[in-house]
Amino acid sequence: MTQHRPRRRSRTPPGRGDDMIQAARPTSIERKSLREMTPAERADWYTEQRAELEDFCSYAQSWAKGRERRGIQNENDDRYQQFFIMAADLIGGLEELRQEAAAEEDRPDE
């Protein structure tokens, strides 16, 4: 059974705070294309992306478990569970790519 709680009203008046939220979120990340990166740069980038994804998953799982403890569930909770499965695969893939880039870096020039 799904429980619904009334939505809390934002304490921020309409129109205020939105600018701060947008300013805090980058709309795009400037980086070289993967082809332009050296193997070491790619390995570092894969490591950074993996860490960010793991950090987000940890946060989201804590959030989801808190909702579950309180007996709250809706379709978004189901979507998060699907996301965690996909994220685990992406994390594994990023590690494989990091290992390949590291091995490429260690290979002598042919």
Protein backbone atom coordinates (compact mmCIF):
# COMPACT_ATOMS: atom_id res chain seq x y z
CA MET A 1 0.00 0.00 0.00
CA THR A 2 1.38 3.36 -0.95
CA GLN A 3 1.24 6.11 1.60
CA HIS A 4 1.12 9.66 0.46
CA ARG A 5 2.07 12.54 2.65
CA PRO A 6 0.98 16.06 1.94
CA ARG A 7 3.71 18.02 0.22
CA ARG A 8 5.58 20.45 2.36
CA ARG A 9 5.46 23.96 1.17
CA SER A 10 8.76 25.49 0.32
CA ARG A 11 9.91 28.08 2.82
CA THR A 12 11.48 30.01 0.00
CA PRO A 13 9.08 32.44 -1.69
CA PRO A 14 8.37 31.63 -5.35
CA GLY A 15 11.11 32.79 -7.65
CA ARG A 16 13.66 33.07 -4.87
CA GLY A 17 16.29 30.43 -4.46
CA ASP A 18 15.82 29.07 -7.98
CA ASP A 19 18.68 31.22 -9.22
CA MET A 20 20.96 29.92 -6.48
CA ILE A 21 20.08 26.33 -7.29
CA GLN A 22 20.78 26.85 -10.99
CA ALA A 23 24.06 28.62 -10.21
CA ALA A 24 25.18 25.69 -8.05
CA ARG A 25 24.48 23.14 -10.80
CA PRO A 26 26.81 23.18 -13.75
CA THR A 27 24.91 22.86 -17.00
CA SER A 28 27.84 21.18 -18.71
CA ILE A 29 31.30 20.02 -17.83
CA GLU A 30 34.21 21.19 -19.91
CA ARG A 31 36.65 18.40 -20.69
CA LYS A 32 38.67 17.00 -23.54
CA SER A 33 37.09 14.28 -25.61
CA LEU A 34 38.19 10.80 -24.60
CA ARG A 35 40.15 10.51 -27.87
CA GLU A 36 42.14 13.63 -26.99
CA MET A 37 43.04 12.37 -23.52
CA THR A 38 46.20 10.46 -22.78
CA PRO A 39 45.74 6.99 -21.27
CA ALA A 40 46.64 8.43 -17.84
CA GLU A 41 44.08 11.23 -18.23
CA ARG A 42 41.41 8.71 -19.25
CA ALA A 43 42.23 6.46 -16.29
CA ASP A 44 41.95 9.47 -13.95
CA TRP A 45 38.68 10.58 -15.54
CA TYR A 46 37.17 7.08 -15.24
CA THR A 47 38.25 6.97 -11.59
CA GLU A 48 36.69 10.38 -10.87
CA GLN A 49 33.42 9.49 -12.63
CA ARG A 50 33.21 6.18 -10.81
CA ALA A 51 33.74 7.89 -7.44
CA GLU A 52 31.04 10.48 -8.21
CA LEU A 53 28.57 7.79 -9.27
CA GLU A 54 29.35 5.68 -6.20
CA ASP A 55 28.89 8.73 -3.97
CA PHE A 56 25.53 9.56 -5.53
CA CYS A 57 24.37 5.95 -5.26
CA SER A 58 25.33 5.87 -1.58
CA TYR A 59 23.35 9.06 -0.96
CA ALA A 60 20.34 7.83 -2.95
CA GLN A 61 20.34 4.43 -1.25
CA SER A 62 20.36 6.09 2.18
CA TRP A 63 17.45 8.26 1.04
CA ALA A 64 15.53 5.25 -0.28
CA LYS A 65 16.15 3.22 2.89
CA GLY A 66 14.91 6.12 5.00
CA ARG A 67 11.69 6.23 2.97
CA GLU A 68 11.33 2.48 3.32
CA ARG A 69 11.77 2.67 7.12
CA ARG A 70 9.02 5.28 7.25
CA GLY A 71 6.73 3.10 5.13
CA ILE A 72 6.69 5.51 2.19
CA GLN A 73 6.79 4.17 -1.34
CA ASN A 74 5.69 5.30 -4.77
CA GLU A 75 6.71 4.74 -8.38
CA ASN A 76 9.85 6.85 -7.92
CA ASP A 77 11.18 4.37 -5.39
CA ASP A 78 10.81 1.60 -7.96
CA ARG A 79 12.68 3.72 -10.51
CA TYR A 80 15.52 4.28 -8.04
CA GLN A 81 15.82 0.53 -7.55
CA GLN A 82 16.11 0.11 -11.34
CA PHE A 83 18.69 2.91 -11.38
CA PHE A 84 20.84 1.16 -8.74
CA ILE A 85 21.07 -1.94 -10.94
CA MET A 86 22.10 0.14 -13.95
CA ALA A 87 24.53 2.21 -11.86
CA ALA A 88 26.25 -0.94 -10.56
CA ASP A 89 26.83 -2.03 -14.17
CA LEU A 90 28.15 1.43 -15.10
CA ILE A 91 30.50 1.43 -12.09
CA GLY A 92 31.86 -1.96 -13.18
CA GLY A 93 32.25 -0.73 -16.76
CA LEU A 94 34.11 2.40 -15.65
CA GLU A 95 36.51 0.21 -13.68
CA GLU A 96 37.10 -1.99 -16.74
CA LEU A 97 37.79 1.10 -18.86
CA ARG A 98 40.14 2.47 -16.19
CA GLN A 99 42.08 -0.80 -16.15
CA GLU A 100 42.33 -0.80 -19.96
CA ALA A 101 43.59 2.80 -19.97
CA ALA A 102 46.12 2.00 -17.24
CA ALA A 103 47.33 -1.06 -19.19
CA GLU A 104 47.60 1.06 -22.36
CA GLU A 105 49.70 3.58 -20.46
CA ASP A 106 52.03 0.82 -19.22
CA ARG A 107 52.57 -0.66 -22.70
CA PRO A 108 55.81 0.31 -24.38
CA ASP A 109 55.45 2.30 -27.59
CA GLU A 110 55.33 0.03 -30.59
